Amino acid sequence: MRTIRLRAEIDADPAAVFAAVAEFDRWPALAADVREVVTTPASAGQPRESRWEVNFRRGVMRWREAEVVDPVLLRIDFDRTDGDFEDFHGSWQVFDASGGTAEALFEVTYDFGIESLAGLMDPIAERVIKRSVCEVLNGQFDGVRVVEGAEALTDLGAPLVTTKGNS
């Protein structure tokens, strides 16, 4: 099982960042590896559900997830319900970093359930996931600075990944 984090500062209002991130249906237009996301709205105490298709190596990774979206706390918790991962769960949290700057923290823990291939598949998945997150943020906001978690993306350069300090 692998856990990854990506933390970014964004020159934007935290509520605007949260609203943009939470629109998963828009991700395919913003991130090259995200092929399709279909979101079903939450209903009467049930979480929202999304179906994802993401490019992975020479194929497509597919999964469904249940999402609890809290616009008051600026938080999304998600958990895989079906698909190619054996386990896939995590969260988005957006904070007010001060002076019109938001901080977005994305964390995910995943496991393909194939221990013998973890050393090969996990780093590829980390790169695809983080690259997609960066593309989504940069596609919607100017002034995005990755402050944690960019080590898997250093060869991509600007404007996809702009680091601040040591990441």
N, C-alpha and C. Protein backbone atom coordinates (compact mmCIF):
# COMPACT_ATOMS: atom_id res chain seq x y z
N MET A 1 0.85 -1.17 0.00
CA MET A 1 0.00 0.00 0.00
C MET A 1 0.90 1.24 0.00
N ARG A 2 0.53 2.22 -0.79
CA ARG A 2 1.34 3.43 -0.93
C ARG A 2 0.47 4.65 -0.65
N THR A 3 1.02 5.61 0.07
CA THR A 3 0.33 6.87 0.34
C THR A 3 1.14 7.99 -0.29
N ILE A 4 0.45 8.87 -1.02
CA ILE A 4 1.12 10.02 -1.61
C ILE A 4 0.38 11.29 -1.20
N ARG A 5 1.13 12.38 -1.16
CA ARG A 5 0.59 13.70 -0.81
C ARG A 5 1.08 14.71 -1.83
N LEU A 6 0.21 15.63 -2.14
CA LEU A 6 0.60 16.77 -2.96
C LEU A 6 -0.05 17.99 -2.32
N ARG A 7 0.79 18.97 -1.96
CA ARG A 7 0.29 20.19 -1.34
C ARG A 7 0.71 21.36 -2.21
N ALA A 8 -0.26 22.22 -2.50
CA ALA A 8 0.01 23.36 -3.36
C ALA A 8 -0.59 24.63 -2.77
N GLU A 9 0.12 25.73 -2.98
CA GLU A 9 -0.42 27.04 -2.67
C GLU A 9 -0.93 27.64 -3.97
N ILE A 10 -2.09 28.28 -3.91
CA ILE A 10 -2.73 28.82 -5.09
C ILE A 10 -3.17 30.24 -4.80
N ASP A 11 -2.83 31.16 -5.70
CA ASP A 11 -3.22 32.55 -5.53
C ASP A 11 -4.70 32.71 -5.91
N ALA A 12 -5.57 32.26 -5.02
CA ALA A 12 -7.02 32.32 -5.26
C ALA A 12 -7.75 32.13 -3.93
N ASP A 13 -9.01 32.47 -3.95
CA ASP A 13 -9.87 32.29 -2.79
C ASP A 13 -10.05 30.80 -2.50
N PRO A 14 -9.93 30.36 -1.25
CA PRO A 14 -10.07 28.94 -0.93
C PRO A 14 -11.40 28.34 -1.40
N ALA A 15 -12.50 29.06 -1.26
CA ALA A 15 -13.79 28.52 -1.70
C ALA A 15 -13.81 28.30 -3.21
N ALA A 16 -13.17 29.19 -3.97
CA ALA A 16 -13.10 29.04 -5.42
C ALA A 16 -12.24 27.83 -5.79
N VAL A 17 -11.14 27.63 -5.09
CA VAL A 17 -10.28 26.47 -5.34
C VAL A 17 -11.04 25.19 -5.04
N PHE A 18 -11.72 25.15 -3.91
CA PHE A 18 -12.49 23.96 -3.55
C PHE A 18 -13.56 23.66 -4.61
N ALA A 19 -14.31 24.67 -5.01
CA ALA A 19 -15.37 24.47 -6.00
C ALA A 19 -14.79 23.94 -7.31
N ALA A 20 -13.65 24.47 -7.73
CA ALA A 20 -13.04 24.02 -8.98
C ALA A 20 -12.54 22.58 -8.88
N VAL A 21 -11.89 22.24 -7.78
CA VAL A 21 -11.38 20.88 -7.58
C VAL A 21 -12.54 19.88 -7.53
N ALA A 22 -13.62 20.25 -6.88
CA ALA A 22 -14.75 19.34 -6.66
C ALA A 22 -15.52 19.02 -7.94
N GLU A 23 -15.32 19.78 -8.98
CA GLU A 23 -15.99 19.53 -10.26
C GLU A 23 -15.23 18.46 -11.04
N PHE A 24 -15.28 17.23 -10.55
CA PHE A 24 -14.53 16.14 -11.16
C PHE A 24 -14.92 15.92 -12.62
N ASP A 25 -16.15 16.21 -12.99
CA ASP A 25 -16.58 16.05 -14.38
C ASP A 25 -15.75 16.90 -15.34
N ARG A 26 -15.15 17.97 -14.87
CA ARG A 26 -14.33 18.85 -15.72
C ARG A 26 -12.90 18.36 -15.88
N TRP A 27 -12.47 17.42 -15.07
CA TRP A 27 -11.08 16.99 -15.09
C TRP A 27 -10.60 16.48 -16.45
N PRO A 28 -11.41 15.75 -17.23
CA PRO A 28 -10.91 15.28 -18.53
C PRO A 28 -10.51 16.43 -19.48
N ALA A 29 -11.12 17.57 -19.36
CA ALA A 29 -10.77 18.72 -20.21
C ALA A 29 -9.50 19.40 -19.72
N LEU A 30 -9.07 19.10 -18.51
CA LEU A 30 -7.93 19.79 -17.90
C LEU A 30 -6.68 18.91 -17.77
N ALA A 31 -6.87 17.60 -17.67
CA ALA A 31 -5.75 16.69 -17.42
C ALA A 31 -5.68 15.64 -18.53
N ALA A 32 -4.54 15.58 -19.20
CA ALA A 32 -4.38 14.71 -20.37
C ALA A 32 -4.64 13.24 -20.08
N ASP A 33 -4.27 12.77 -18.91
CA ASP A 33 -4.43 11.34 -18.60
C ASP A 33 -5.83 10.96 -18.12
N VAL A 34 -6.64 11.94 -17.77
CA VAL A 34 -8.00 11.64 -17.31
C VAL A 34 -8.90 11.56 -18.53
N ARG A 35 -9.33 10.36 -18.85
CA ARG A 35 -10.14 10.14 -20.05
C ARG A 35 -11.61 10.49 -19.83
N GLU A 36 -12.14 10.07 -18.67
CA GLU A 36 -13.56 10.30 -18.41
C GLU A 36 -13.82 10.27 -16.91
N VAL A 37 -14.71 11.17 -16.48
CA VAL A 37 -15.23 11.13 -15.11
C VAL A 37 -16.72 11.42 -15.22
N VAL A 38 -17.51 10.52 -14.69
CA VAL A 38 -18.97 10.71 -14.65
C VAL A 38 -19.37 10.73 -13.19
N THR A 39 -19.96 11.84 -12.77
CA THR A 39 -20.34 12.01 -11.37
C THR A 39 -21.84 11.97 -11.22
N THR A 40 -22.29 11.20 -10.24
CA THR A 40 -23.70 11.13 -9.88
C THR A 40 -23.88 11.91 -8.59
N PRO A 41 -24.76 12.91 -8.58
CA PRO A 41 -24.94 13.74 -7.37
C PRO A 41 -25.35 12.91 -6.14
N ALA A 42 -24.99 13.42 -4.99
CA ALA A 42 -25.39 12.80 -3.73
C ALA A 42 -26.90 12.87 -3.60
N SER A 43 -27.46 11.91 -2.87
CA SER A 43 -28.91 11.91 -2.63
C SER A 43 -29.20 11.49 -1.20
N ALA A 44 -30.12 12.15 -0.60
CA ALA A 44 -30.67 11.82 0.73
C ALA A 44 -29.72 11.04 1.63
N GLY A 45 -28.68 11.70 2.10
CA GLY A 45 -27.77 11.08 3.04
C GLY A 45 -26.75 10.13 2.42
N GLN A 46 -26.78 9.96 1.12
CA GLN A 46 -25.83 9.10 0.43
C GLN A 46 -24.71 9.95 -0.17
N PRO A 47 -23.50 9.42 -0.24
CA PRO A 47 -22.41 10.18 -0.84
C PRO A 47 -22.57 10.31 -2.35
N ARG A 48 -21.88 11.28 -2.90
CA ARG A 48 -21.80 11.42 -4.35
C ARG A 48 -20.98 10.24 -4.87
N GLU A 49 -21.22 9.85 -6.10
CA GLU A 49 -20.47 8.74 -6.69
C GLU A 49 -19.86 9.19 -8.01
N SER A 50 -18.61 8.75 -8.27
CA SER A 50 -17.96 9.07 -9.53
C SER A 50 -17.37 7.81 -10.14
N ARG A 51 -17.40 7.78 -11.46
CA ARG A 51 -16.76 6.70 -12.23
C ARG A 51 -15.60 7.32 -13.00
N TRP A 52 -14.41 6.77 -12.84
CA TRP A 52 -13.17 7.33 -13.42
C TRP A 52 -12.56 6.37 -14.44
N GLU A 53 -12.00 6.97 -15.52
CA GLU A 53 -11.16 6.25 -16.48
C GLU A 53 -9.92 7.11 -16.70
N VAL A 54 -8.75 6.54 -16.40
CA VAL A 54 -7.49 7.28 -16.45
C VAL A 54 -6.45 6.45 -17.21
N ASN A 55 -5.72 7.10 -18.11
CA ASN A 55 -4.64 6.42 -18.83
C ASN A 55 -3.61 5.92 -17.83
N PHE A 56 -3.17 4.68 -18.04
CA PHE A 56 -2.16 4.09 -17.17
C PHE A 56 -1.30 3.14 -18.00
N ARG A 57 -0.05 3.46 -18.12
CA ARG A 57 0.88 2.70 -18.97
C ARG A 57 0.29 2.60 -20.37
N ARG A 58 0.06 1.41 -20.86
CA ARG A 58 -0.50 1.26 -22.21
C ARG A 58 -1.97 0.91 -22.18
N GLY A 59 -2.62 1.16 -21.07
CA GLY A 59 -4.03 0.81 -20.94
C GLY A 59 -4.81 1.89 -20.21
N VAL A 60 -5.93 1.48 -19.66
CA VAL A 60 -6.82 2.39 -18.96
C VAL A 60 -7.13 1.79 -17.59
N MET A 61 -7.00 2.62 -16.56
CA MET A 61 -7.35 2.25 -15.21
C MET A 61 -8.77 2.74 -14.94
N ARG A 62 -9.62 1.89 -14.38
CA ARG A 62 -11.01 2.26 -14.13
C ARG A 62 -11.35 1.98 -12.67
N TRP A 63 -12.14 2.88 -12.08
CA TRP A 63 -12.65 2.65 -10.74
C TRP A 63 -13.86 3.53 -10.48
N ARG A 64 -14.60 3.16 -9.47
CA ARG A 64 -15.71 3.97 -8.95
C ARG A 64 -15.36 4.34 -7.52
N GLU A 65 -15.83 5.52 -7.13
CA GLU A 65 -15.58 5.94 -5.76
C GLU A 65 -16.79 6.66 -5.18
N ALA A 66 -16.96 6.52 -3.88
CA ALA A 66 -17.96 7.29 -3.14
C ALA A 66 -17.25 8.49 -2.55
N GLU A 67 -17.91 9.65 -2.62
CA GLU A 67 -17.29 10.90 -2.19
C GLU A 67 -18.21 11.67 -1.26
N VAL A 68 -17.67 12.06 -0.13
CA VAL A 68 -18.38 12.94 0.79
C VAL A 68 -17.80 14.33 0.58
N VAL A 69 -18.61 15.22 0.03
CA VAL A 69 -18.19 16.57 -0.32
C VAL A 69 -18.75 17.53 0.72
N ASP A 70 -17.87 18.24 1.41
CA ASP A 70 -18.28 19.17 2.45
C ASP A 70 -17.81 20.58 2.08
N PRO A 71 -18.70 21.38 1.46
CA PRO A 71 -18.30 22.73 1.05
C PRO A 71 -18.09 23.70 2.22
N VAL A 72 -18.57 23.36 3.39
CA VAL A 72 -18.34 24.21 4.57
C VAL A 72 -16.91 24.01 5.08
N LEU A 73 -16.49 22.76 5.21
CA LEU A 73 -15.13 22.45 5.66
C LEU A 73 -14.12 22.46 4.52
N LEU A 74 -14.59 22.65 3.28
CA LEU A 74 -13.75 22.63 2.09
C LEU A 74 -12.97 21.32 2.01
N ARG A 75 -13.70 20.22 2.14
CA ARG A 75 -13.09 18.89 2.21
C ARG A 75 -13.89 17.89 1.39
N ILE A 76 -13.17 17.00 0.73
CA ILE A 76 -13.75 15.86 0.02
C ILE A 76 -13.03 14.61 0.51
N ASP A 77 -13.79 13.64 1.00
CA ASP A 77 -13.25 12.33 1.35
C ASP A 77 -13.76 11.34 0.32
N PHE A 78 -12.88 10.50 -0.20
CA PHE A 78 -13.30 9.54 -1.22
C PHE A 78 -12.78 8.15 -0.89
N ASP A 79 -13.54 7.15 -1.38
CA ASP A 79 -13.20 5.76 -1.12
C ASP A 79 -13.66 4.92 -2.30
N ARG A 80 -12.77 4.12 -2.85
CA ARG A 80 -13.08 3.25 -3.98
C ARG A 80 -14.17 2.26 -3.59
N THR A 81 -15.11 2.09 -4.50
CA THR A 81 -16.18 1.11 -4.29
C THR A 81 -16.08 -0.07 -5.26
N ASP A 82 -15.34 0.12 -6.36
CA ASP A 82 -15.21 -0.92 -7.37
C ASP A 82 -14.08 -0.52 -8.31
N GLY A 83 -13.45 -1.48 -8.96
CA GLY A 83 -12.51 -1.13 -10.00
C GLY A 83 -11.15 -1.79 -9.90
N ASP A 84 -10.19 -1.22 -10.63
CA ASP A 84 -8.88 -1.82 -10.80
C ASP A 84 -7.99 -1.77 -9.56
N PHE A 85 -8.21 -0.83 -8.69
CA PHE A 85 -7.46 -0.80 -7.43
C PHE A 85 -8.10 -1.77 -6.45
N GLU A 86 -7.28 -2.39 -5.63
CA GLU A 86 -7.84 -3.17 -4.53
C GLU A 86 -8.27 -2.22 -3.41
N ASP A 87 -7.49 -1.16 -3.24
CA ASP A 87 -7.80 -0.13 -2.25
C ASP A 87 -7.42 1.23 -2.85
N PHE A 88 -8.26 2.23 -2.65
CA PHE A 88 -8.00 3.58 -3.13
C PHE A 88 -8.89 4.50 -2.31
N HIS A 89 -8.27 5.25 -1.41
CA HIS A 89 -9.05 6.17 -0.57
C HIS A 89 -8.17 7.37 -0.19
N GLY A 90 -8.84 8.48 0.06
CA GLY A 90 -8.09 9.66 0.43
C GLY A 90 -8.96 10.87 0.59
N SER A 91 -8.34 12.05 0.42
CA SER A 91 -9.08 13.29 0.64
C SER A 91 -8.44 14.46 -0.08
N TRP A 92 -9.26 15.47 -0.25
CA TRP A 92 -8.86 16.82 -0.65
C TRP A 92 -9.24 17.72 0.51
N GLN A 93 -8.35 18.62 0.89
CA GLN A 93 -8.66 19.61 1.90
C GLN A 93 -8.09 20.94 1.42
N VAL A 94 -8.93 21.97 1.44
CA VAL A 94 -8.48 23.30 1.04
C VAL A 94 -8.53 24.19 2.28
N PHE A 95 -7.44 24.94 2.48
CA PHE A 95 -7.30 25.82 3.63
C PHE A 95 -7.11 27.25 3.17
N ASP A 96 -7.40 28.19 4.04
CA ASP A 96 -7.07 29.59 3.80
C ASP A 96 -5.64 29.78 4.30
N ALA A 97 -4.72 30.02 3.38
CA ALA A 97 -3.31 30.16 3.74
C ALA A 97 -2.94 31.59 4.08
N SER A 98 -3.84 32.53 3.93
CA SER A 98 -3.70 33.95 4.27
C SER A 98 -3.58 34.82 3.04
N GLY A 99 -4.16 35.99 3.14
CA GLY A 99 -4.05 37.01 2.11
C GLY A 99 -4.51 36.62 0.73
N GLY A 100 -5.63 35.92 0.62
CA GLY A 100 -6.14 35.55 -0.69
C GLY A 100 -5.44 34.35 -1.31
N THR A 101 -4.72 33.63 -0.50
CA THR A 101 -4.02 32.43 -0.98
C THR A 101 -4.66 31.19 -0.34
N ALA A 102 -4.88 30.20 -1.18
CA ALA A 102 -5.42 28.93 -0.70
C ALA A 102 -4.30 27.91 -0.65
N GLU A 103 -4.46 26.94 0.22
CA GLU A 103 -3.57 25.79 0.25
C GLU A 103 -4.44 24.57 0.01
N ALA A 104 -4.09 23.79 -0.99
CA ALA A 104 -4.83 22.56 -1.30
C ALA A 104 -3.94 21.38 -0.96
N LEU A 105 -4.49 20.45 -0.19
CA LEU A 105 -3.77 19.24 0.19
C LEU A 105 -4.54 18.05 -0.36
N PHE A 106 -3.87 17.26 -1.20
CA PHE A 106 -4.44 16.04 -1.76
C PHE A 106 -3.66 14.87 -1.19
N GLU A 107 -4.36 13.90 -0.62
CA GLU A 107 -3.73 12.69 -0.08
C GLU A 107 -4.50 11.49 -0.59
N VAL A 108 -3.77 10.46 -0.99
CA VAL A 108 -4.43 9.22 -1.41
C VAL A 108 -3.55 8.04 -1.00
N THR A 109 -4.21 6.99 -0.57
CA THR A 109 -3.56 5.71 -0.28
C THR A 109 -4.14 4.71 -1.27
N TYR A 110 -3.26 3.95 -1.92
CA TYR A 110 -3.74 3.00 -2.92
C TYR A 110 -2.93 1.73 -2.90
N ASP A 111 -3.56 0.68 -3.41
CA ASP A 111 -2.94 -0.63 -3.51
C ASP A 111 -3.60 -1.35 -4.68
N PHE A 112 -2.80 -1.85 -5.60
CA PHE A 112 -3.33 -2.61 -6.73
C PHE A 112 -3.65 -4.05 -6.35
N GLY A 113 -3.13 -4.50 -5.22
CA GLY A 113 -3.39 -5.88 -4.80
C GLY A 113 -2.50 -6.89 -5.48
N ILE A 114 -1.43 -6.43 -6.14
CA ILE A 114 -0.48 -7.32 -6.81
C ILE A 114 0.90 -7.00 -6.24
N GLU A 115 1.21 -7.64 -5.13
CA GLU A 115 2.42 -7.31 -4.39
C GLU A 115 3.69 -7.42 -5.23
N SER A 116 3.76 -8.40 -6.10
CA SER A 116 4.98 -8.61 -6.88
C SER A 116 5.23 -7.49 -7.90
N LEU A 117 4.19 -6.71 -8.26
CA LEU A 117 4.35 -5.63 -9.23
C LEU A 117 4.31 -4.23 -8.59
N ALA A 118 4.19 -4.18 -7.27
CA ALA A 118 4.07 -2.89 -6.58
C ALA A 118 5.25 -1.97 -6.88
N GLY A 119 6.46 -2.51 -6.91
CA GLY A 119 7.64 -1.70 -7.17
C GLY A 119 7.62 -1.05 -8.54
N LEU A 120 6.95 -1.65 -9.49
CA LEU A 120 6.84 -1.10 -10.84
C LEU A 120 5.61 -0.21 -10.99
N MET A 121 4.47 -0.67 -10.52
CA MET A 121 3.20 0.02 -10.75
C MET A 121 2.99 1.24 -9.85
N ASP A 122 3.39 1.15 -8.60
CA ASP A 122 3.12 2.24 -7.66
C ASP A 122 3.75 3.58 -8.08
N PRO A 123 5.03 3.61 -8.48
CA PRO A 123 5.60 4.90 -8.90
C PRO A 123 4.94 5.46 -10.16
N ILE A 124 4.52 4.59 -11.07
CA ILE A 124 3.84 5.06 -12.28
C ILE A 124 2.49 5.67 -11.91
N ALA A 125 1.76 5.00 -11.03
CA ALA A 125 0.47 5.53 -10.58
C ALA A 125 0.66 6.86 -9.86
N GLU A 126 1.68 6.96 -9.02
CA GLU A 126 1.95 8.22 -8.31
C GLU A 126 2.16 9.36 -9.30
N ARG A 127 2.95 9.11 -10.32
CA ARG A 127 3.24 10.14 -11.31
C ARG A 127 1.99 10.55 -12.08
N VAL A 128 1.19 9.59 -12.51
CA VAL A 128 -0.04 9.89 -13.26
C VAL A 128 -1.01 10.69 -12.38
N ILE A 129 -1.18 10.26 -11.13
CA ILE A 129 -2.10 10.94 -10.23
C ILE A 129 -1.64 12.37 -9.96
N LYS A 130 -0.38 12.54 -9.58
CA LYS A 130 0.13 13.87 -9.26
C LYS A 130 0.15 14.77 -10.49
N ARG A 131 0.53 14.23 -11.63
CA ARG A 131 0.53 15.04 -12.86
C ARG A 131 -0.89 15.53 -13.16
N SER A 132 -1.87 14.67 -13.00
CA SER A 132 -3.26 15.05 -13.25
C SER A 132 -3.73 16.13 -12.29
N VAL A 133 -3.40 15.99 -11.02
CA VAL A 133 -3.76 17.01 -10.03
C VAL A 133 -3.14 18.35 -10.41
N CYS A 134 -1.86 18.34 -10.77
CA CYS A 134 -1.19 19.60 -11.15
C CYS A 134 -1.82 20.20 -12.40
N GLU A 135 -2.15 19.39 -13.38
CA GLU A 135 -2.78 19.90 -14.60
C GLU A 135 -4.14 20.52 -14.30
N VAL A 136 -4.90 19.91 -13.41
CA VAL A 136 -6.21 20.45 -13.04
C VAL A 136 -6.04 21.80 -12.35
N LEU A 137 -5.13 21.89 -11.39
CA LEU A 137 -4.92 23.16 -10.69
C LEU A 137 -4.40 24.24 -11.63
N ASN A 138 -3.38 23.91 -12.43
CA ASN A 138 -2.81 24.89 -13.35
C ASN A 138 -3.76 25.26 -14.47
N GLY A 139 -4.67 24.38 -14.81
CA GLY A 139 -5.64 24.67 -15.85
C GLY A 139 -6.73 25.62 -15.43
N GLN A 140 -6.84 25.86 -14.12
CA GLN A 140 -7.90 26.72 -13.61
C GLN A 140 -7.40 27.96 -12.87
N PHE A 141 -6.13 27.94 -12.47
CA PHE A 141 -5.62 29.04 -11.66
C PHE A 141 -4.20 29.42 -12.08
N ASP A 142 -3.92 30.71 -11.99
CA ASP A 142 -2.54 31.20 -12.11
C ASP A 142 -1.95 31.17 -10.71
N GLY A 143 -0.65 31.15 -10.62
CA GLY A 143 0.00 31.23 -9.31
C GLY A 143 -0.13 29.97 -8.50
N VAL A 144 0.08 28.80 -9.11
CA VAL A 144 0.06 27.53 -8.40
C VAL A 144 1.51 27.15 -8.08
N ARG A 145 1.77 26.90 -6.81
CA ARG A 145 3.11 26.50 -6.36
C ARG A 145 3.01 25.20 -5.59
N VAL A 146 3.64 24.15 -6.09
CA VAL A 146 3.66 22.87 -5.38
C VAL A 146 4.70 23.00 -4.28
N VAL A 147 4.27 22.82 -3.04
CA VAL A 147 5.18 22.98 -1.91
C VAL A 147 5.51 21.65 -1.22
N GLU A 148 4.82 20.59 -1.63
CA GLU A 148 5.11 19.25 -1.11
C GLU A 148 4.64 18.22 -2.13
N GLY A 149 5.49 17.26 -2.43
CA GLY A 149 5.08 16.15 -3.28
C GLY A 149 5.51 16.24 -4.72
N ALA A 150 6.31 17.22 -5.10
CA ALA A 150 6.69 17.37 -6.50
C ALA A 150 7.85 16.47 -6.91
N GLU A 151 8.42 15.73 -5.98
CA GLU A 151 9.60 14.93 -6.32
C GLU A 151 9.35 13.92 -7.44
N ALA A 152 8.14 13.46 -7.62
CA ALA A 152 7.84 12.52 -8.70
C ALA A 152 7.63 13.22 -10.04
N LEU A 153 7.68 14.54 -10.05
CA LEU A 153 7.34 15.30 -11.24
C LEU A 153 8.44 16.25 -11.70
N THR A 154 9.61 16.15 -11.15
CA THR A 154 10.65 17.15 -11.41
C THR A 154 11.05 17.27 -12.88
N ASP A 155 10.89 16.23 -13.65
CA ASP A 155 11.26 16.30 -15.07
C ASP A 155 10.21 17.02 -15.91
N LEU A 156 9.04 17.34 -15.35
CA LEU A 156 7.99 17.97 -16.13
C LEU A 156 8.18 19.47 -16.26
N GLY A 157 8.85 20.10 -15.29
CA GLY A 157 9.15 21.52 -15.37
C GLY A 157 7.93 22.42 -15.36
N ALA A 158 8.17 23.71 -15.56
CA ALA A 158 7.11 24.71 -15.56
C ALA A 158 6.39 24.66 -16.90
N PRO A 159 5.16 25.06 -17.00
CA PRO A 159 4.35 25.59 -15.92
C PRO A 159 3.61 24.52 -15.14
N LEU A 160 3.79 23.24 -15.49
CA LEU A 160 3.04 22.19 -14.82
C LEU A 160 3.38 22.13 -13.34
N VAL A 161 4.64 22.19 -13.01
CA VAL A 161 5.03 22.13 -11.61
C VAL A 161 5.95 23.30 -11.30
N THR A 162 5.48 24.17 -10.45
CA THR A 162 6.29 25.26 -9.95
C THR A 162 6.51 24.99 -8.49
N THR A 163 7.74 24.77 -8.09
CA THR A 163 8.01 24.42 -6.70
C THR A 163 8.45 25.65 -5.92
N LYS A 164 8.19 25.60 -4.65
CA LYS A 164 8.61 26.67 -3.73
C LYS A 164 9.43 26.00 -2.65
N GLY A 165 10.63 26.41 -2.48
CA GLY A 165 11.48 25.81 -1.45
C GLY A 165 11.88 24.41 -1.86
N ASN A 166 12.10 23.56 -0.89
CA ASN A 166 12.47 22.18 -1.15
C ASN A 166 11.23 21.33 -1.14
N SER A 167 10.92 20.72 -2.26
CA SER A 167 9.75 19.83 -2.29
C SER A 167 10.22 18.46 -2.46
